[in-house]
Amino acid sequence: MKLNQIMKQAQALQEKFKKQLEDMVVEASAGGGMVSVTMNGNKNVMGVKIDPEVVDKDDIEMLQDLVTAAVNEASRKVDDAAQRELGSMAGNIP
């Protein structure tokens, strides 16, 4: 295979991977579902849901910890999904 063809194929795979990341959406939660975060494949937080029961003006630190944990878990899920996608795409390269 010529180098030019390989470069074109790599560029096409890169564009496909970029599109898949844009379309990817993961959800993660913390505190038994008290806080959940939706994140796209580019690691942009699309939404946060907080159960009203977890909101306590005397314990803001707990809520902050739950939000942090949910965001970190969503980020980990994006990384895992991206690795799986990249691995399956790499398997298609001759």
Protein backbone atom coordinates (compact mmCIF):
# COMPACT_ATOMS: atom_id res chain seq x y z
CA MET A 1 0.00 0.00 0.00
CA LYS A 2 1.35 3.41 -0.90
CA LEU A 3 2.14 5.93 1.82
CA ASN A 4 -0.39 8.38 0.39
CA GLN A 5 -3.16 5.80 0.64
CA ILE A 6 -2.18 4.97 4.22
CA MET A 7 -2.26 8.66 5.17
CA LYS A 8 -5.70 9.12 3.61
CA GLN A 9 -7.01 6.07 5.42
CA ALA A 10 -5.58 7.29 8.73
CA GLN A 11 -7.15 10.71 8.21
CA ALA A 12 -10.53 9.13 7.43
CA LEU A 13 -10.31 7.02 10.60
CA GLN A 14 -9.38 10.09 12.62
CA GLU A 15 -12.44 11.96 11.31
CA LYS A 16 -14.67 8.95 12.04
CA PHE A 17 -13.30 8.73 15.59
CA LYS A 18 -13.82 12.47 16.13
CA LYS A 19 -17.45 12.15 14.98
CA GLN A 20 -18.02 9.17 17.27
CA LEU A 21 -16.70 11.17 20.23
CA GLU A 22 -19.06 14.03 19.40
CA ASP A 23 -22.01 11.61 19.31
CA MET A 24 -21.03 9.70 22.45
CA VAL A 25 -23.01 10.38 25.62
CA VAL A 26 -22.33 8.78 28.99
CA GLU A 27 -24.07 9.09 32.32
CA ALA A 28 -22.53 8.50 35.72
CA SER A 29 -23.85 8.88 39.23
CA ALA A 30 -22.63 9.10 42.79
CA GLY A 31 -24.22 8.68 46.17
CA GLY A 32 -26.48 5.88 45.02
CA GLY A 33 -27.90 8.02 42.23
CA MET A 34 -28.35 11.15 44.33
CA VAL A 35 -26.17 13.07 41.86
CA SER A 36 -25.88 12.15 38.19
CA VAL A 37 -23.88 13.73 35.39
CA THR A 38 -24.32 13.46 31.63
CA MET A 39 -21.17 14.04 29.58
CA ASN A 40 -20.37 13.85 25.89
CA GLY A 41 -17.33 12.21 24.33
CA ASN A 42 -15.45 15.50 24.33
CA LYS A 43 -15.83 15.56 28.12
CA ASN A 44 -18.22 18.48 28.11
CA VAL A 45 -20.76 18.19 30.93
CA MET A 46 -24.19 18.31 29.33
CA GLY A 47 -26.23 18.11 32.48
CA VAL A 48 -26.26 17.56 36.22
CA LYS A 49 -29.17 16.15 38.20
CA ILE A 50 -29.26 16.51 41.97
CA ASP A 51 -31.83 14.81 44.15
CA PRO A 52 -33.35 17.49 46.43
CA GLU A 53 -32.83 15.20 49.42
CA VAL A 54 -29.06 15.59 49.12
CA VAL A 55 -29.21 19.39 49.34
CA ASP A 56 -28.42 20.38 52.90
CA LYS A 57 -27.23 23.92 53.57
CA ASP A 58 -25.32 22.62 56.59
CA ASP A 59 -23.42 20.00 54.56
CA ILE A 60 -22.42 21.61 51.27
CA GLU A 61 -19.16 19.64 51.26
CA MET A 62 -21.02 16.35 50.80
CA LEU A 63 -22.86 17.71 47.76
CA GLN A 64 -19.61 19.04 46.32
CA ASP A 65 -17.97 15.65 46.83
CA LEU A 66 -20.86 13.85 45.14
CA VAL A 67 -20.76 16.18 42.12
CA THR A 68 -17.00 15.76 41.86
CA ALA A 69 -17.29 11.98 42.07
CA ALA A 70 -20.01 11.86 39.40
CA VAL A 71 -18.01 14.08 37.02
CA ASN A 72 -14.88 11.99 37.53
CA GLU A 73 -16.81 8.76 36.92
CA ALA A 74 -18.35 10.17 33.72
CA SER A 75 -14.89 11.21 32.53
CA ARG A 76 -13.58 7.70 33.21
CA LYS A 77 -16.50 6.22 31.26
CA VAL A 78 -15.72 8.48 28.29
CA ASP A 79 -12.09 7.35 28.38
CA ASP A 80 -13.09 3.68 28.50
CA ALA A 81 -15.58 4.03 25.64
CA ALA A 82 -13.08 5.97 23.54
CA GLN A 83 -10.42 3.29 24.10
CA ARG A 84 -12.86 0.58 22.99
CA GLU A 85 -13.80 2.55 19.87
CA LEU A 86 -10.18 3.28 19.02
CA GLY A 87 -9.27 -0.36 19.53
CA SER A 88 -12.02 -1.58 17.22
CA MET A 89 -11.07 0.99 14.59
CA ALA A 90 -7.38 0.03 14.81
CA GLY A 91 -8.36 -3.55 14.10
CA ASN A 92 -9.67 -2.43 10.71
CA ILE A 93 -6.33 -1.04 9.57
CA PRO A 94 -4.55 -3.46 7.23
